[in-house]
Amino acid sequence: MTWKYEQELDEEAEETRPATEKKKWPPFVMEKTVVKNRSQVSDTTTILKDVQVLVLLFSSYSIDNYEEYIGINRLYQKCKERAAGAPRLEVIYVPLDRDILEFTMALDSCHSNWWSFIPSDKVVPMLVHNYGIVEVPTVLVVRVMDGKVVSRRPRDLPHLNAWTLLNDIPTRARQ
């Protein structure tokens, strides 16, 4: 997959990183601010450091589907409890809210367990464009090592388990 804007970014910054930190993930996603529970702030480089599977949840407060989030939360908890060899998984909410009040209500209501981009961050429209998001809610299961979409069907997510995801991740990426 070719990422728009990739050439516009500072390539020297990537070259100076140690080989262990280099990822093929789109550079515009790295080092972006994410929030959790309104009280925790981090950046994508830190939270994705040892993660193999990323769930990108594109939605907004006005159309949130709580039943889907229950399935995502179950998968998230299973992977957080991690049986030996299970992939590290993280969920990032990609808010399509334009109103900051609606965004904070979404964080309080059903997105408090995982990280979220800030609605005004430029990464939000870039992700929408690059992944071809045309309807919400949309759930993408993505391999962190290369940004490849493993699943685009949110109804599959409750049925996917850690081992299904693990089988789609090359062995060297699990180590």
C-alpha atoms as a PDB file:
ATOM      1  CA  MET A   1       0.000   0.000   0.000  1.00  0.00           C
ATOM      2  CA  THR A   2       1.391   3.425  -0.909  1.00  0.00           C
ATOM      3  CA  TRP A   3       0.856   6.111   1.674  1.00  0.00           C
ATOM      4  CA  LYS A   4       0.063   9.605   0.484  1.00  0.00           C
ATOM      5  CA  TYR A   5       2.236  12.314   2.065  1.00  0.00           C
ATOM      6  CA  GLU A   6       4.976   9.807   2.920  1.00  0.00           C
ATOM      7  CA  GLN A   7       7.536  11.576   0.722  1.00  0.00           C
ATOM      8  CA  GLU A   8       6.693  14.913   2.316  1.00  0.00           C
ATOM      9  CA  LEU A   9       7.920  13.749   5.705  1.00  0.00           C
ATOM     10  CA  ASP A  10      11.423  14.100   7.051  1.00  0.00           C
ATOM     11  CA  GLU A  11      13.200  10.923   5.928  1.00  0.00           C
ATOM     12  CA  GLU A  12      16.330  11.736   7.912  1.00  0.00           C
ATOM     13  CA  ALA A  13      14.459  11.248  11.193  1.00  0.00           C
ATOM     14  CA  GLU A  14      13.675   7.653  10.220  1.00  0.00           C
ATOM     15  CA  GLU A  15      17.281   6.969   9.171  1.00  0.00           C
ATOM     16  CA  THR A  16      18.647   8.064  12.551  1.00  0.00           C
ATOM     17  CA  ARG A  17      16.428   5.653  14.503  1.00  0.00           C
ATOM     18  CA  PRO A  18      17.986   2.397  15.691  1.00  0.00           C
ATOM     19  CA  ALA A  19      17.077  -0.587  13.512  1.00  0.00           C
ATOM     20  CA  THR A  20      15.011  -2.100  16.335  1.00  0.00           C
ATOM     21  CA  GLU A  21      12.716   0.943  16.364  1.00  0.00           C
ATOM     22  CA  LYS A  22      12.187   1.192  12.617  1.00  0.00           C
ATOM     23  CA  LYS A  23       8.769   0.148  11.412  1.00  0.00           C
ATOM     24  CA  LYS A  24       7.170   0.181   8.002  1.00  0.00           C
ATOM     25  CA  TRP A  25       4.106   1.773   9.551  1.00  0.00           C
ATOM     26  CA  PRO A  26       3.219   5.041   7.831  1.00  0.00           C
ATOM     27  CA  PRO A  27       5.391   7.784   9.319  1.00  0.00           C
ATOM     28  CA  PHE A  28       2.492  10.204   9.674  1.00  0.00           C
ATOM     29  CA  VAL A  29       0.918   7.860  12.247  1.00  0.00           C
ATOM     30  CA  MET A  30       3.999   7.676  14.450  1.00  0.00           C
ATOM     31  CA  GLU A  31       4.655  10.172  17.229  1.00  0.00           C
ATOM     32  CA  LYS A  32       1.026  11.344  17.281  1.00  0.00           C
ATOM     33  CA  THR A  33      -0.676  12.267  20.534  1.00  0.00           C
ATOM     34  CA  VAL A  34      -3.277   9.854  21.868  1.00  0.00           C
ATOM     35  CA  VAL A  35      -5.479  10.130  24.950  1.00  0.00           C
ATOM     36  CA  LYS A  36      -7.202   7.638  27.233  1.00  0.00           C
ATOM     37  CA  ASN A  37      -9.826   8.318  29.909  1.00  0.00           C
ATOM     38  CA  ARG A  38      -9.282  12.067  29.512  1.00  0.00           C
ATOM     39  CA  SER A  39      -6.435  11.750  32.028  1.00  0.00           C
ATOM     40  CA  GLN A  40      -3.737   9.734  30.259  1.00  0.00           C
ATOM     41  CA  VAL A  41      -1.724  11.157  27.384  1.00  0.00           C
ATOM     42  CA  SER A  42       0.869   9.306  25.328  1.00  0.00           C
ATOM     43  CA  ASP A  43       2.060   9.021  21.744  1.00  0.00           C
ATOM     44  CA  THR A  44       1.622   6.337  19.110  1.00  0.00           C
ATOM     45  CA  THR A  45       5.329   5.496  18.972  1.00  0.00           C
ATOM     46  CA  THR A  46       5.259   4.574  22.669  1.00  0.00           C
ATOM     47  CA  ILE A  47       1.993   2.634  22.724  1.00  0.00           C
ATOM     48  CA  LEU A  48       2.745   0.678  19.533  1.00  0.00           C
ATOM     49  CA  LYS A  49       6.313  -0.233  20.524  1.00  0.00           C
ATOM     50  CA  ASP A  50       5.669  -3.942  21.224  1.00  0.00           C
ATOM     51  CA  VAL A  51       2.274  -4.254  19.527  1.00  0.00           C
ATOM     52  CA  GLN A  52       1.697  -6.596  16.580  1.00  0.00           C
ATOM     53  CA  VAL A  53      -2.023  -5.999  15.940  1.00  0.00           C
ATOM     54  CA  LEU A  54      -3.789  -2.649  15.886  1.00  0.00           C
ATOM     55  CA  VAL A  55      -7.545  -2.215  15.753  1.00  0.00           C
ATOM     56  CA  LEU A  56      -8.504   1.139  14.236  1.00  0.00           C
ATOM     57  CA  LEU A  57     -12.037   2.070  15.206  1.00  0.00           C
ATOM     58  CA  PHE A  58     -13.472   4.826  12.979  1.00  0.00           C
ATOM     59  CA  SER A  59     -16.655   6.242  14.490  1.00  0.00           C
ATOM     60  CA  SER A  60     -18.329   9.208  16.131  1.00  0.00           C
ATOM     61  CA  TYR A  61     -20.382   9.699  19.259  1.00  0.00           C
ATOM     62  CA  SER A  62     -23.669  10.201  17.434  1.00  0.00           C
ATOM     63  CA  ILE A  63     -23.534   6.809  15.695  1.00  0.00           C
ATOM     64  CA  ASP A  64     -21.610   4.615  18.106  1.00  0.00           C
ATOM     65  CA  ASN A  65     -22.613   0.942  18.014  1.00  0.00           C
ATOM     66  CA  TYR A  66     -22.161  -0.351  21.546  1.00  0.00           C
ATOM     67  CA  GLU A  67     -22.710  -4.022  20.610  1.00  0.00           C
ATOM     68  CA  GLU A  68     -19.668  -3.959  18.319  1.00  0.00           C
ATOM     69  CA  TYR A  69     -17.610  -2.306  21.039  1.00  0.00           C
ATOM     70  CA  ILE A  70     -18.476  -5.108  23.456  1.00  0.00           C
ATOM     71  CA  GLY A  71     -16.952  -7.611  20.992  1.00  0.00           C
ATOM     72  CA  ILE A  72     -13.893  -5.427  20.493  1.00  0.00           C
ATOM     73  CA  ASN A  73     -13.510  -5.036  24.239  1.00  0.00           C
ATOM     74  CA  ARG A  74     -13.652  -8.837  24.746  1.00  0.00           C
ATOM     75  CA  LEU A  75     -10.906  -9.367  22.175  1.00  0.00           C
ATOM     76  CA  TYR A  76      -8.915  -6.505  23.688  1.00  0.00           C
ATOM     77  CA  GLN A  77      -9.157  -8.005  27.193  1.00  0.00           C
ATOM     78  CA  LYS A  78      -8.190 -11.495  25.937  1.00  0.00           C
ATOM     79  CA  CYS A  79      -5.075 -10.129  24.286  1.00  0.00           C
ATOM     80  CA  LYS A  80      -4.231  -7.951  27.280  1.00  0.00           C
ATOM     81  CA  GLU A  81      -4.375 -11.040  29.508  1.00  0.00           C
ATOM     82  CA  ARG A  82      -2.176 -12.732  26.895  1.00  0.00           C
ATOM     83  CA  ALA A  83      -1.763 -16.404  26.819  1.00  0.00           C
ATOM     84  CA  ALA A  84       1.827 -17.326  25.990  1.00  0.00           C
ATOM     85  CA  GLY A  85       2.563 -16.388  22.408  1.00  0.00           C
ATOM     86  CA  ALA A  86      -0.598 -14.337  21.855  1.00  0.00           C
ATOM     87  CA  PRO A  87      -0.070 -11.184  19.824  1.00  0.00           C
ATOM     88  CA  ARG A  88       0.070  -7.820  21.537  1.00  0.00           C
ATOM     89  CA  LEU A  89      -3.016  -5.890  20.517  1.00  0.00           C
ATOM     90  CA  GLU A  90      -3.959  -2.244  20.903  1.00  0.00           C
ATOM     91  CA  VAL A  91      -7.111  -0.359  19.930  1.00  0.00           C
ATOM     92  CA  ILE A  92      -7.083   3.253  18.765  1.00  0.00           C
ATOM     93  CA  TYR A  93     -10.338   5.123  18.341  1.00  0.00           C
ATOM     94  CA  VAL A  94     -10.254   7.376  15.276  1.00  0.00           C
ATOM     95  CA  PRO A  95     -12.878  10.013  16.122  1.00  0.00           C
ATOM     96  CA  LEU A  96     -14.853  11.531  13.304  1.00  0.00           C
ATOM     97  CA  ASP A  97     -16.552  13.941  15.694  1.00  0.00           C
ATOM     98  CA  ARG A  98     -16.237  17.605  14.835  1.00  0.00           C
ATOM     99  CA  ASP A  99     -17.440  18.783  18.211  1.00  0.00           C
ATOM    100  CA  ILE A 100     -14.988  18.359  21.093  1.00  0.00           C
ATOM    101  CA  LEU A 101     -17.889  17.917  23.532  1.00  0.00           C
ATOM    102  CA  GLU A 102     -19.187  14.913  21.561  1.00  0.00           C
ATOM    103  CA  PHE A 103     -15.663  13.510  21.471  1.00  0.00           C
ATOM    104  CA  THR A 104     -15.312  13.731  25.257  1.00  0.00           C
ATOM    105  CA  MET A 105     -18.750  12.131  25.696  1.00  0.00           C
ATOM    106  CA  ALA A 106     -17.615   9.261  23.449  1.00  0.00           C
ATOM    107  CA  LEU A 107     -14.479   8.826  25.563  1.00  0.00           C
ATOM    108  CA  ASP A 108     -16.570   8.729  28.730  1.00  0.00           C
ATOM    109  CA  SER A 109     -19.240   6.392  27.402  1.00  0.00           C
ATOM    110  CA  CYS A 110     -17.581   3.512  25.592  1.00  0.00           C
ATOM    111  CA  HIS A 111     -14.018   4.303  24.565  1.00  0.00           C
ATOM    112  CA  SER A 112     -12.424   4.593  27.979  1.00  0.00           C
ATOM    113  CA  ASN A 113     -10.542   1.284  27.716  1.00  0.00           C
ATOM    114  CA  TRP A 114      -8.410   2.216  24.739  1.00  0.00           C
ATOM    115  CA  TRP A 115      -6.469   5.067  23.221  1.00  0.00           C
ATOM    116  CA  SER A 116      -7.898   7.713  20.922  1.00  0.00           C
ATOM    117  CA  PHE A 117      -6.535  10.231  18.478  1.00  0.00           C
ATOM    118  CA  ILE A 118      -7.589  13.821  19.085  1.00  0.00           C
ATOM    119  CA  PRO A 119     -10.278  14.869  16.550  1.00  0.00           C
ATOM    120  CA  SER A 120      -8.349  17.930  15.373  1.00  0.00           C
ATOM    121  CA  ASP A 121      -5.165  15.935  14.649  1.00  0.00           C
ATOM    122  CA  LYS A 122      -4.246  15.860  10.949  1.00  0.00           C
ATOM    123  CA  VAL A 123      -3.705  12.097  11.168  1.00  0.00           C
ATOM    124  CA  VAL A 124      -7.489  11.529  11.322  1.00  0.00           C
ATOM    125  CA  PRO A 125      -8.298  12.676   7.746  1.00  0.00           C
ATOM    126  CA  MET A 126      -5.101  11.006   6.478  1.00  0.00           C
ATOM    127  CA  LEU A 127      -6.199   7.645   7.915  1.00  0.00           C
ATOM    128  CA  VAL A 128      -9.720   8.108   6.528  1.00  0.00           C
ATOM    129  CA  HIS A 129      -8.273   8.840   3.085  1.00  0.00           C
ATOM    130  CA  ASN A 130      -5.548   6.198   3.025  1.00  0.00           C
ATOM    131  CA  TYR A 131      -7.797   3.389   4.267  1.00  0.00           C
ATOM    132  CA  GLY A 132     -10.729   4.474   2.078  1.00  0.00           C
ATOM    133  CA  ILE A 133     -13.205   4.893   4.926  1.00  0.00           C
ATOM    134  CA  VAL A 134     -16.610   5.748   3.454  1.00  0.00           C
ATOM    135  CA  GLU A 135     -18.962   4.763   6.265  1.00  0.00           C
ATOM    136  CA  VAL A 136     -18.898   4.638  10.024  1.00  0.00           C
ATOM    137  CA  PRO A 137     -18.553   2.817  12.216  1.00  0.00           C
ATOM    138  CA  THR A 138     -15.715   0.998  10.479  1.00  0.00           C
ATOM    139  CA  VAL A 139     -13.345  -1.336  12.264  1.00  0.00           C
ATOM    140  CA  LEU A 140     -10.003  -2.242  10.710  1.00  0.00           C
ATOM    141  CA  VAL A 141      -7.684  -4.882  12.109  1.00  0.00           C
ATOM    142  CA  VAL A 142      -4.188  -3.903  10.981  1.00  0.00           C
ATOM    143  CA  ARG A 143      -0.746  -5.464  11.332  1.00  0.00           C
ATOM    144  CA  VAL A 144       1.508  -2.868  12.921  1.00  0.00           C
ATOM    145  CA  MET A 145       4.672  -4.083  11.191  1.00  0.00           C
ATOM    146  CA  ASP A 146       3.452  -2.987   7.750  1.00  0.00           C
ATOM    147  CA  GLY A 147       0.009  -1.391   8.055  1.00  0.00           C
ATOM    148  CA  LYS A 148      -1.650  -4.279   6.163  1.00  0.00           C
ATOM    149  CA  VAL A 149      -5.377  -4.667   6.814  1.00  0.00           C
ATOM    150  CA  VAL A 150      -6.146  -8.136   8.234  1.00  0.00           C
ATOM    151  CA  SER A 151      -9.923  -7.595   8.413  1.00  0.00           C
ATOM    152  CA  ARG A 152     -12.318  -4.851   7.297  1.00  0.00           C
ATOM    153  CA  ARG A 153     -15.524  -6.451   8.495  1.00  0.00           C
ATOM    154  CA  PRO A 154     -16.538  -5.342  11.982  1.00  0.00           C
ATOM    155  CA  ARG A 155     -18.968  -8.241  12.333  1.00  0.00           C
ATOM    156  CA  ASP A 156     -15.989 -10.620  12.115  1.00  0.00           C
ATOM    157  CA  LEU A 157     -14.202  -9.009  15.016  1.00  0.00           C
ATOM    158  CA  PRO A 158     -16.040 -10.720  17.901  1.00  0.00           C
ATOM    159  CA  HIS A 159     -15.329 -14.071  16.204  1.00  0.00           C
ATOM    160  CA  LEU A 160     -11.657 -13.389  15.578  1.00  0.00           C
ATOM    161  CA  ASN A 161      -9.504 -14.592  18.396  1.00  0.00           C
ATOM    162  CA  ALA A 162      -5.934 -13.949  19.304  1.00  0.00           C
ATOM    163  CA  TRP A 163      -4.777 -17.126  17.548  1.00  0.00           C
ATOM    164  CA  THR A 164      -6.469 -16.202  14.268  1.00  0.00           C
ATOM    165  CA  LEU A 165      -4.671 -12.881  14.332  1.00  0.00           C
ATOM    166  CA  LEU A 166      -1.432 -14.522  15.375  1.00  0.00           C
ATOM    167  CA  ASN A 167      -1.521 -16.882  12.391  1.00  0.00           C
ATOM    168  CA  ASP A 168      -1.545 -13.892  10.044  1.00  0.00           C
ATOM    169  CA  ILE A 169       1.562 -12.395  11.648  1.00  0.00           C
ATOM    170  CA  PRO A 170       4.939 -13.692  10.448  1.00  0.00           C
ATOM    171  CA  THR A 171       6.894 -15.592  13.107  1.00  0.00           C
ATOM    172  CA  ARG A 172       9.766 -13.108  13.193  1.00  0.00           C
ATOM    173  CA  ALA A 173       7.356 -10.262  14.021  1.00  0.00           C
ATOM    174  CA  ARG A 174       6.115 -12.146  17.097  1.00  0.00           C
ATOM    175  CA  GLN A 175       9.554 -12.369  18.674  1.00  0.00           C
END
